[in-house]
Amino acid sequence: MTQAPATPKNGRRRHDREIIALAVPAFGALVAEPLFVMVDSAVVGHLGTPQLAGLGIAAALLMTAVSIFVFLAYATTAAVARRVGAGDLPAAIRQGMDGIWLALLLGAAVVALAMPTAPWLVDVFGASDTAAPYAITYLRISTLGIPAMLVVLAATGVLRGLQDTRTPLYVAIAGFTANAVLNVSLVYGAGLGIAGSAWGTVIAQAGMAAAYLVVVIRGARKHGASLRPDAAGIRASARAGVPLLIRTLSLRAVLMIATAVAARLGDVDIAAHQIILSLWSLTAFALDAIAIAGQAIIGRYLGADDEKGAREACRRMVEWGIGCGIVLGVLIVLARPLFIPLFTSDPSVKDTLLPALLVVAVSQPIAGVVFVLDGVLMGAGDGRYLAWAMLVTLAVFAPVALLVPSLGGGLTALWWAMTLMMAVRLITLWLRTRSGRWIVTGATR
């Protein structure tokens, strides 16, 4: 009996199953990450306002430091997925170990830098005299957990490259639960105050890193991959990460400029901006989950020398990005009466918020395609182009955003500038994808 020939419909279904299998657990793991800070805030908030203010400053510094190194996950995913596609699992795990060793080295460097400079960093952020001691305490203790946090990033990239996003979800859930229990126990049970919250987070992060290492080491032993540090491999991982670091820093600069401009517009505008930014970040998690699936799937296809499969997967993920963007945009519009009262009861903030929120809703389909294409090019290992494209985007966005206050524009104008930023990213990423230059097949790029 002959097998029925493949059809475009069957191909779409296959890609849909792959995208769903990878994206849904990835979304759960992404959402679990900010819950760490939320738990810390909820527990510490009952200690007093100075303690909560100190936590807020320290947490902002920690999240900034860790987000800079997110390339450890992105670059590792692409490199490991290529070797999986090529059918060389020992090399895939070996590549992942190089990323983990790089994470440990970077983590140690950050600890050495942050520990003695903690008071200065807190002062730069403008902490009050009452909040500063708590911020310094939390920052110095939590800094000890940065190597574990970076190992978690790199190991997550290893498992994503191995087409496994379920294990990171399970580890994230376990880490979140442990963090909540440890925070309550150490802050109140042991009477350690804000220091207990910091130690709880460090222990939870160390536990997550240990769980990942057990999984990776088990895979290495099963497939005969070396666990020893390899200088050449670590250097290669660092070289692959540099362009993605530039991309990340450029994106962070965009967000910082937007917040600075909103602050210049006045208290009402910055309050409304922070509310919108929190919603924008939540929608980004949903779209980033598809991008993560794209990194793993595209890397695997290119590693398997399957150019046609890579193109078809890219096309289908773009359709997913558009569809999810439309759904998210509609949800923002429909849910605004429920969402806004959770954050403010001030009529002035609400009036400022509403038109800008509609701009965000309209821009979601654009964002959907941008996130997907970003993931596709990351999966292809096209980091240099992504760095260049984001620098171009920053160069276009910065002057437009900075002109908003002087031209008499308000928060809505600022979010139109943010939409322009996403449109520029869309154009640069679409041109690259359309050119086909991102398609480089083989176990390495």
Protein backbone atom coordinates (compact mmCIF):
# COMPACT_ATOMS: atom_id res chain seq x y z
CA MET A 1 0.00 0.00 0.00
CA THR A 2 1.54 3.31 -1.10
CA GLN A 3 1.64 6.31 1.21
CA ALA A 4 -0.44 9.31 0.26
CA PRO A 5 1.66 12.22 -1.05
CA ALA A 6 2.21 15.16 1.25
CA THR A 7 -0.11 18.10 0.70
CA PRO A 8 0.21 21.77 1.72
CA LYS A 9 -2.58 21.19 4.23
CA ASN A 10 -0.76 18.25 5.82
CA GLY A 11 2.42 20.33 5.93
CA ARG A 12 0.63 23.15 7.75
CA ARG A 13 -0.80 20.69 10.26
CA ARG A 14 2.65 19.26 10.92
CA HIS A 15 4.10 22.71 11.49
CA ASP A 16 1.12 23.63 13.67
CA ARG A 17 1.69 20.61 15.89
CA GLU A 18 5.39 21.48 16.25
CA ILE A 19 4.68 25.13 17.02
CA ILE A 20 2.03 24.31 19.62
CA ALA A 21 4.15 21.59 21.26
CA LEU A 22 7.04 24.03 21.73
CA ALA A 23 5.28 27.39 22.17
CA VAL A 24 2.69 26.52 24.82
CA PRO A 25 5.16 25.20 27.44
CA ALA A 26 7.57 28.03 26.53
CA PHE A 27 4.84 30.58 27.27
CA GLY A 28 4.24 29.00 30.68
CA ALA A 29 7.95 29.16 31.51
CA LEU A 30 8.19 32.79 30.36
CA VAL A 31 5.24 33.84 32.52
CA ALA A 32 6.73 32.08 35.55
CA GLU A 33 9.89 34.21 35.43
CA PRO A 34 8.37 37.59 36.47
CA LEU A 35 6.36 35.80 39.16
CA PHE A 36 9.59 35.49 41.18
CA VAL A 37 9.70 39.27 41.59
CA MET A 38 5.95 39.41 42.26
CA VAL A 39 6.27 36.89 45.12
CA ASP A 40 9.21 38.78 46.59
CA SER A 41 7.25 42.04 46.36
CA ALA A 42 4.16 40.53 48.00
CA VAL A 43 6.16 39.10 50.90
CA VAL A 44 8.47 42.08 51.44
CA GLY A 45 5.65 44.57 51.00
CA HIS A 46 4.26 43.59 54.40
CA LEU A 47 7.56 44.50 56.07
CA GLY A 48 7.13 48.18 55.25
CA THR A 49 7.38 50.79 52.50
CA PRO A 50 11.18 51.35 52.76
CA GLN A 51 11.79 47.61 52.42
CA LEU A 52 9.51 47.39 49.37
CA ALA A 53 11.17 50.44 47.81
CA GLY A 54 14.58 48.88 48.39
CA LEU A 55 13.45 45.63 46.82
CA GLY A 56 12.11 47.50 43.79
CA ILE A 57 15.46 49.17 43.14
CA ALA A 58 17.51 46.02 43.68
CA ALA A 59 15.16 43.89 41.57
CA ALA A 60 15.36 46.41 38.70
CA LEU A 61 19.16 46.23 38.79
CA LEU A 62 19.16 42.42 38.89
CA MET A 63 16.64 42.03 36.08
CA THR A 64 18.61 44.47 33.92
CA ALA A 65 21.82 42.55 34.53
CA VAL A 66 20.25 39.20 33.74
CA SER A 67 18.32 40.44 30.68
CA ILE A 68 21.57 41.65 29.12
CA PHE A 69 22.76 38.04 29.05
CA VAL A 70 19.61 36.56 27.52
CA PHE A 71 21.75 35.82 24.46
CA LEU A 72 22.97 32.78 26.43
CA ALA A 73 19.57 31.21 25.78
CA TYR A 74 19.08 32.48 22.22
CA ALA A 75 22.51 31.63 20.81
CA THR A 76 22.60 28.23 22.52
CA THR A 77 19.15 27.30 21.20
CA ALA A 78 20.15 27.96 17.60
CA ALA A 79 23.51 26.21 17.81
CA VAL A 80 22.14 23.12 19.56
CA ALA A 81 19.11 22.85 17.25
CA ARG A 82 21.37 22.84 14.17
CA ARG A 83 23.32 19.88 15.48
CA VAL A 84 20.10 18.10 16.42
CA GLY A 85 18.90 18.57 12.84
CA ALA A 86 22.22 17.19 11.58
CA GLY A 87 21.65 14.10 13.73
CA ASP A 88 24.70 14.69 15.95
CA LEU A 89 23.34 14.68 19.50
CA PRO A 90 26.77 14.37 21.20
CA ALA A 91 27.92 17.54 19.40
CA ALA A 92 24.63 19.25 20.26
CA ILE A 93 25.07 18.58 23.97
CA ARG A 94 28.77 19.49 23.77
CA GLN A 95 27.73 22.84 22.25
CA GLY A 96 25.24 23.29 25.07
CA MET A 97 27.92 22.63 27.69
CA ASP A 98 30.09 25.34 26.13
CA GLY A 99 27.19 27.76 26.63
CA ILE A 100 26.79 26.66 30.25
CA TRP A 101 30.50 27.11 30.97
CA LEU A 102 30.31 30.58 29.41
CA ALA A 103 27.35 31.37 31.67
CA LEU A 104 29.36 30.36 34.76
CA LEU A 105 32.30 32.54 33.73
CA LEU A 106 30.09 35.55 33.04
CA GLY A 107 28.20 34.98 36.28
CA ALA A 108 31.41 34.96 38.29
CA ALA A 109 32.50 38.21 36.60
CA VAL A 110 29.19 39.89 37.41
CA VAL A 111 29.41 38.83 41.07
CA ALA A 112 32.96 40.18 41.32
CA LEU A 113 31.83 43.49 39.82
CA ALA A 114 28.47 43.93 41.55
CA MET A 115 29.35 43.03 45.14
CA PRO A 116 31.72 45.94 45.83
CA THR A 117 29.77 48.43 43.71
CA ALA A 118 26.32 47.68 45.18
CA PRO A 119 26.10 50.92 47.22
CA TRP A 120 27.11 53.00 44.20
CA LEU A 121 24.59 51.23 41.92
CA VAL A 122 21.79 51.79 44.42
CA ASP A 123 22.75 55.46 44.73
CA VAL A 124 22.73 55.89 40.93
CA PHE A 125 19.14 54.67 40.90
CA GLY A 126 18.25 57.48 43.31
CA ALA A 127 17.32 55.39 46.35
CA SER A 128 16.16 57.37 49.38
CA ASP A 129 18.14 57.27 52.63
CA THR A 130 15.55 54.95 54.17
CA ALA A 131 15.31 52.55 51.22
CA ALA A 132 19.03 52.40 50.31
CA PRO A 133 20.17 50.04 53.12
CA TYR A 134 17.49 47.51 52.21
CA ALA A 135 18.32 47.79 48.51
CA ILE A 136 22.02 47.20 49.19
CA THR A 137 21.28 44.20 51.43
CA TYR A 138 18.98 42.58 48.89
CA LEU A 139 21.29 43.33 45.95
CA ARG A 140 24.44 41.94 47.57
CA ILE A 141 22.79 38.70 48.62
CA SER A 142 20.85 38.20 45.39
CA THR A 143 23.98 38.87 43.33
CA LEU A 144 25.28 35.52 44.59
CA GLY A 145 22.49 33.89 42.62
CA ILE A 146 23.43 35.47 39.28
CA PRO A 147 25.70 32.58 38.16
CA ALA A 148 22.77 30.22 38.74
CA MET A 149 20.42 32.56 36.85
CA LEU A 150 22.78 32.63 33.85
CA VAL A 151 23.20 28.84 33.96
CA VAL A 152 19.40 28.60 33.86
CA LEU A 153 19.37 30.78 30.72
CA ALA A 154 22.03 28.72 28.95
CA ALA A 155 20.56 25.35 30.00
CA THR A 156 17.11 26.50 28.90
CA GLY A 157 18.66 27.20 25.50
CA VAL A 158 20.14 23.70 25.44
CA LEU A 159 16.77 22.05 26.08
CA ARG A 160 14.96 24.31 23.61
CA GLY A 161 17.54 23.36 21.00
CA LEU A 162 16.84 19.72 21.83
CA GLN A 163 13.16 20.53 21.06
CA ASP A 164 12.20 20.26 24.74
CA THR A 165 10.26 23.18 26.24
CA ARG A 166 8.34 21.06 28.75
CA THR A 167 11.26 20.52 31.12
CA PRO A 168 11.92 24.30 31.43
CA LEU A 169 8.22 24.72 32.26
CA TYR A 170 8.38 22.10 35.01
CA VAL A 171 11.58 23.57 36.43
CA ALA A 172 10.09 27.10 36.35
CA ILE A 173 6.99 25.94 38.23
CA ALA A 174 9.09 24.12 40.84
CA GLY A 175 11.37 27.15 41.19
CA PHE A 176 8.44 29.52 41.61
CA THR A 177 6.88 27.27 44.30
CA ALA A 178 10.18 26.88 46.17
CA ASN A 179 10.79 30.62 46.02
CA ALA A 180 7.35 31.37 47.52
CA VAL A 181 7.80 28.86 50.37
CA LEU A 182 11.37 29.97 51.12
CA ASN A 183 10.43 33.65 51.11
CA VAL A 184 7.67 33.23 53.66
CA SER A 185 9.75 30.86 55.79
CA LEU A 186 12.91 32.97 55.86
CA VAL A 187 11.33 36.43 56.00
CA TYR A 188 8.79 35.69 58.73
CA GLY A 189 9.56 32.23 60.11
CA ALA A 190 13.28 32.85 60.54
CA GLY A 191 12.83 36.60 61.05
CA LEU A 192 15.47 37.53 58.47
CA GLY A 193 13.45 40.34 56.90
CA ILE A 194 14.42 41.45 53.40
CA ALA A 195 17.63 39.40 53.63
CA GLY A 196 15.45 36.29 53.94
CA SER A 197 13.67 37.17 50.71
CA ALA A 198 17.01 37.54 48.93
CA TRP A 199 18.33 34.24 50.29
CA GLY A 200 15.10 32.50 49.30
CA THR A 201 15.52 33.66 45.71
CA VAL A 202 19.19 32.63 45.63
CA ILE A 203 18.38 29.14 46.93
CA ALA A 204 15.49 28.73 44.48
CA GLN A 205 17.65 29.83 41.53
CA ALA A 206 20.45 27.49 42.63
CA GLY A 207 17.94 24.64 42.79
CA MET A 208 16.70 25.41 39.28
CA ALA A 209 20.27 25.50 37.94
CA ALA A 210 21.01 22.17 39.65
CA ALA A 211 17.90 20.58 38.13
CA TYR A 212 18.93 21.72 34.65
CA LEU A 213 22.48 20.48 35.13
CA VAL A 214 21.20 17.05 36.16
CA VAL A 215 19.17 16.82 32.94
CA VAL A 216 22.04 18.04 30.72
CA ILE A 217 24.68 15.88 32.42
CA ARG A 218 22.44 12.84 32.13
CA GLY A 219 22.08 13.52 28.40
CA ALA A 220 25.82 14.04 28.03
CA ARG A 221 26.61 10.71 29.66
CA LYS A 222 23.98 8.92 27.59
CA HIS A 223 25.44 10.20 24.32
CA GLY A 224 29.10 10.22 25.31
CA ALA A 225 29.55 14.01 25.23
CA SER A 226 32.37 15.59 27.21
CA LEU A 227 31.49 17.76 30.19
CA ARG A 228 34.88 19.44 30.47
CA PRO A 229 35.26 23.11 29.56
CA ASP A 230 36.59 23.63 26.04
CA ALA A 231 38.26 26.99 25.47
CA ALA A 232 37.61 27.03 21.73
CA GLY A 233 33.96 26.10 22.20
CA ILE A 234 33.45 28.73 24.91
CA ARG A 235 35.02 31.39 22.66
CA ALA A 236 32.74 30.33 19.82
CA SER A 237 29.70 30.64 22.09
CA ALA A 238 30.84 34.11 23.16
CA ARG A 239 31.37 35.21 19.54
CA ALA A 240 27.88 34.01 18.61
CA GLY A 241 26.44 35.90 21.58
CA VAL A 242 28.05 39.30 20.94
CA PRO A 243 25.70 40.35 18.09
CA LEU A 244 22.68 39.25 20.13
CA LEU A 245 24.03 41.23 23.08
CA ILE A 246 24.15 44.33 20.85
CA ARG A 247 20.59 43.64 19.72
CA THR A 248 19.38 43.26 23.32
CA LEU A 249 21.13 46.42 24.50
CA SER A 250 19.62 48.38 21.60
CA LEU A 251 16.16 47.12 22.48
CA ARG A 252 16.70 48.01 26.14
CA ALA A 253 17.75 51.49 25.02
CA VAL A 254 14.46 51.87 23.14
CA LEU A 255 12.46 51.01 26.26
CA MET A 256 14.56 53.29 28.46
CA ILE A 257 14.13 56.22 26.05
CA ALA A 258 10.37 55.65 25.94
CA THR A 259 10.17 55.66 29.75
CA ALA A 260 12.35 58.78 29.99
CA VAL A 261 10.15 60.61 27.48
CA ALA A 262 6.99 59.55 29.32
CA ALA A 263 8.49 60.89 32.56
CA ARG A 264 9.10 64.27 30.90
CA LEU A 265 5.45 64.40 29.88
CA GLY A 266 4.33 64.47 33.53
CA ASP A 267 3.20 62.26 36.39
CA VAL A 268 -0.11 61.32 34.76
CA ASP A 269 1.60 60.26 31.53
CA ILE A 270 4.34 58.23 33.20
CA ALA A 271 1.74 56.47 35.36
CA ALA A 272 -0.32 55.60 32.28
CA HIS A 273 2.83 54.59 30.40
CA GLN A 274 3.82 52.11 33.11
CA ILE A 275 0.39 50.50 32.95
CA ILE A 276 0.57 50.16 29.18
CA LEU A 277 4.12 48.86 29.38
CA SER A 278 3.04 46.11 31.77
CA LEU A 279 0.33 45.01 29.34
CA TRP A 280 2.71 45.29 26.40
CA SER A 281 5.18 43.06 28.25
CA LEU A 282 2.46 40.47 28.88
CA THR A 283 1.51 40.30 25.19
CA ALA A 284 5.23 40.06 24.40
CA PHE A 285 5.43 36.83 26.42
CA ALA A 286 2.74 35.26 24.24
CA LEU A 287 4.42 36.34 21.01
CA ASP A 288 7.89 35.44 22.29
CA ALA A 289 6.71 31.88 22.89
CA ILE A 290 6.14 31.52 19.13
CA ALA A 291 9.55 33.08 18.51
CA ILE A 292 11.15 30.49 20.80
CA ALA A 293 9.45 27.73 18.84
CA GLY A 294 10.82 29.39 15.70
CA GLN A 295 14.38 29.34 17.03
CA ALA A 296 14.23 25.61 17.75
CA ILE A 297 12.35 24.55 14.61
CA ILE A 298 14.31 26.67 12.11
CA GLY A 299 17.65 25.65 13.60
CA ARG A 300 16.70 21.99 13.32
CA TYR A 301 15.57 22.26 9.70
CA LEU A 302 18.71 24.13 8.64
CA GLY A 303 20.90 21.62 10.47
CA ALA A 304 19.15 18.85 8.54
CA ASP A 305 19.86 20.65 5.21
CA ASP A 306 16.11 21.04 4.70
CA GLU A 307 15.83 24.49 3.10
CA LYS A 308 12.27 23.85 1.92
CA GLY A 309 11.14 22.81 5.41
CA ALA A 310 12.72 25.94 6.91
CA ARG A 311 10.94 28.20 4.42
CA GLU A 312 7.58 26.49 4.98
CA ALA A 313 7.97 26.63 8.77
CA CYS A 314 8.87 30.32 8.56
CA ARG A 315 5.81 31.04 6.42
CA ARG A 316 3.50 29.17 8.79
CA MET A 317 4.93 30.88 11.87
CA VAL A 318 4.38 34.28 10.26
CA GLU A 319 0.73 33.30 9.81
CA TRP A 320 0.66 32.34 13.49
CA GLY A 321 2.21 35.68 14.41
CA ILE A 322 -0.41 37.63 12.47
CA GLY A 323 -3.26 35.56 13.89
CA CYS A 324 -2.05 35.82 17.49
CA GLY A 325 -1.44 39.54 17.04
CA ILE A 326 -5.01 40.08 15.86
CA VAL A 327 -6.40 38.05 18.76
CA LEU A 328 -4.28 39.95 21.30
CA GLY A 329 -5.31 43.29 19.80
CA VAL A 330 -9.00 42.41 20.06
CA LEU A 331 -8.51 41.15 23.65
CA ILE A 332 -6.84 44.42 24.64
CA VAL A 333 -9.81 46.40 23.33
CA LEU A 334 -12.44 44.13 24.88
CA ALA A 335 -10.66 43.68 28.23
CA ARG A 336 -9.77 47.32 28.84
CA PRO A 337 -12.78 47.93 31.18
CA LEU A 338 -11.54 45.03 33.34
CA PHE A 339 -7.83 45.70 33.01
CA ILE A 340 -7.57 49.43 33.69
CA PRO A 341 -9.37 49.52 37.10
CA LEU A 342 -6.88 46.97 38.43
CA PHE A 343 -4.12 49.56 38.10
CA THR A 344 -5.72 52.96 38.60
CA SER A 345 -8.87 54.77 39.68
CA ASP A 346 -7.54 58.19 38.68
CA PRO A 347 -9.78 59.66 35.93
CA SER A 348 -6.86 61.66 34.48
CA VAL A 349 -4.71 58.53 34.11
CA LYS A 350 -7.63 56.66 32.54
CA ASP A 351 -8.27 59.43 30.02
CA THR A 352 -4.60 59.50 29.06
CA LEU A 353 -4.37 55.74 28.96
CA LEU A 354 -7.28 54.86 26.69
CA PRO A 355 -6.20 56.33 23.32
CA ALA A 356 -2.63 55.09 23.78
CA LEU A 357 -3.95 51.64 24.64
CA LEU A 358 -5.86 51.55 21.35
CA VAL A 359 -2.60 52.29 19.52
CA VAL A 360 -1.03 49.29 21.25
CA ALA A 361 -4.00 47.12 20.20
CA VAL A 362 -3.71 48.18 16.56
CA SER A 363 0.03 47.44 16.53
CA GLN A 364 -0.25 43.85 17.81
CA PRO A 365 -0.36 42.16 14.37
CA ILE A 366 2.84 44.03 13.47
CA ALA A 367 4.40 42.91 16.73
CA GLY A 368 3.33 39.33 16.04
CA VAL A 369 5.25 39.20 12.76
CA VAL A 370 8.27 41.00 14.26
CA PHE A 371 8.60 38.51 17.12
CA VAL A 372 8.28 35.55 14.77
CA LEU A 373 10.84 36.81 12.24
CA ASP A 374 13.17 37.70 15.10
CA GLY A 375 12.93 34.09 16.27
CA VAL A 376 13.41 32.72 12.75
CA LEU A 377 16.62 34.70 12.19
CA MET A 378 17.90 33.78 15.66
CA GLY A 379 17.25 30.14 14.87
CA ALA A 380 19.22 30.60 11.66
CA GLY A 381 22.13 32.06 13.64
CA ASP A 382 21.81 35.37 11.76
CA GLY A 383 22.85 37.41 14.79
CA ARG A 384 24.94 39.99 12.92
CA TYR A 385 21.99 41.09 10.83
CA LEU A 386 19.75 41.24 13.91
CA ALA A 387 22.28 43.51 15.64
CA TRP A 388 22.51 45.81 12.62
CA ALA A 389 18.71 45.91 12.19
CA MET A 390 18.14 46.82 15.83
CA LEU A 391 20.75 49.59 15.69
CA VAL A 392 18.98 51.03 12.65
CA THR A 393 15.69 50.81 14.51
CA LEU A 394 17.16 52.63 17.51
CA ALA A 395 18.56 55.34 15.23
CA VAL A 396 15.11 55.92 13.72
CA PHE A 397 13.16 55.70 16.97
CA ALA A 398 15.31 57.84 19.27
CA PRO A 399 14.97 61.22 17.52
CA VAL A 400 11.26 60.71 16.85
CA ALA A 401 10.53 59.80 20.47
CA LEU A 402 12.67 62.62 21.87
CA LEU A 403 10.76 65.14 19.72
CA VAL A 404 7.40 64.13 21.20
CA PRO A 405 7.50 66.53 24.22
CA SER A 406 8.90 69.49 22.25
CA LEU A 407 6.24 69.11 19.57
CA GLY A 408 3.49 69.06 22.17
CA GLY A 409 2.69 65.38 21.73
CA GLY A 410 1.40 63.26 24.59
CA LEU A 411 1.47 59.63 25.55
CA THR A 412 -0.51 58.59 22.48
CA ALA A 413 2.12 60.22 20.26
CA LEU A 414 4.85 58.38 22.15
CA TRP A 415 3.15 55.04 21.54
CA TRP A 416 2.77 55.90 17.87
CA ALA A 417 6.55 56.32 17.96
CA MET A 418 6.76 52.86 19.56
CA THR A 419 4.60 51.55 16.72
CA LEU A 420 6.99 53.18 14.25
CA MET A 421 9.81 51.35 16.00
CA MET A 422 8.02 48.03 15.49
CA ALA A 423 7.29 48.94 11.85
CA VAL A 424 10.98 49.61 11.19
CA ARG A 425 11.85 46.27 12.77
CA LEU A 426 9.22 44.62 10.58
CA ILE A 427 10.68 46.13 7.41
CA THR A 428 14.28 45.21 8.22
CA LEU A 429 13.39 41.66 9.27
CA TRP A 430 11.03 41.10 6.33
CA LEU A 431 13.65 42.27 3.81
CA ARG A 432 16.18 39.84 5.28
CA THR A 433 13.73 36.94 5.33
CA ARG A 434 12.60 37.65 1.77
CA SER A 435 16.19 37.77 0.51
CA GLY A 436 16.86 34.19 1.63
CA ARG A 437 20.36 35.12 2.81
CA TRP A 438 19.52 33.84 6.28
CA ILE A 439 19.27 30.30 4.92
CA VAL A 440 22.62 28.66 5.62
CA THR A 441 22.29 24.90 6.00
CA GLY A 442 24.55 22.49 7.87
CA ALA A 443 25.49 21.62 11.44
CA THR A 444 27.24 25.00 11.83
CA ARG A 445 26.61 28.38 10.25
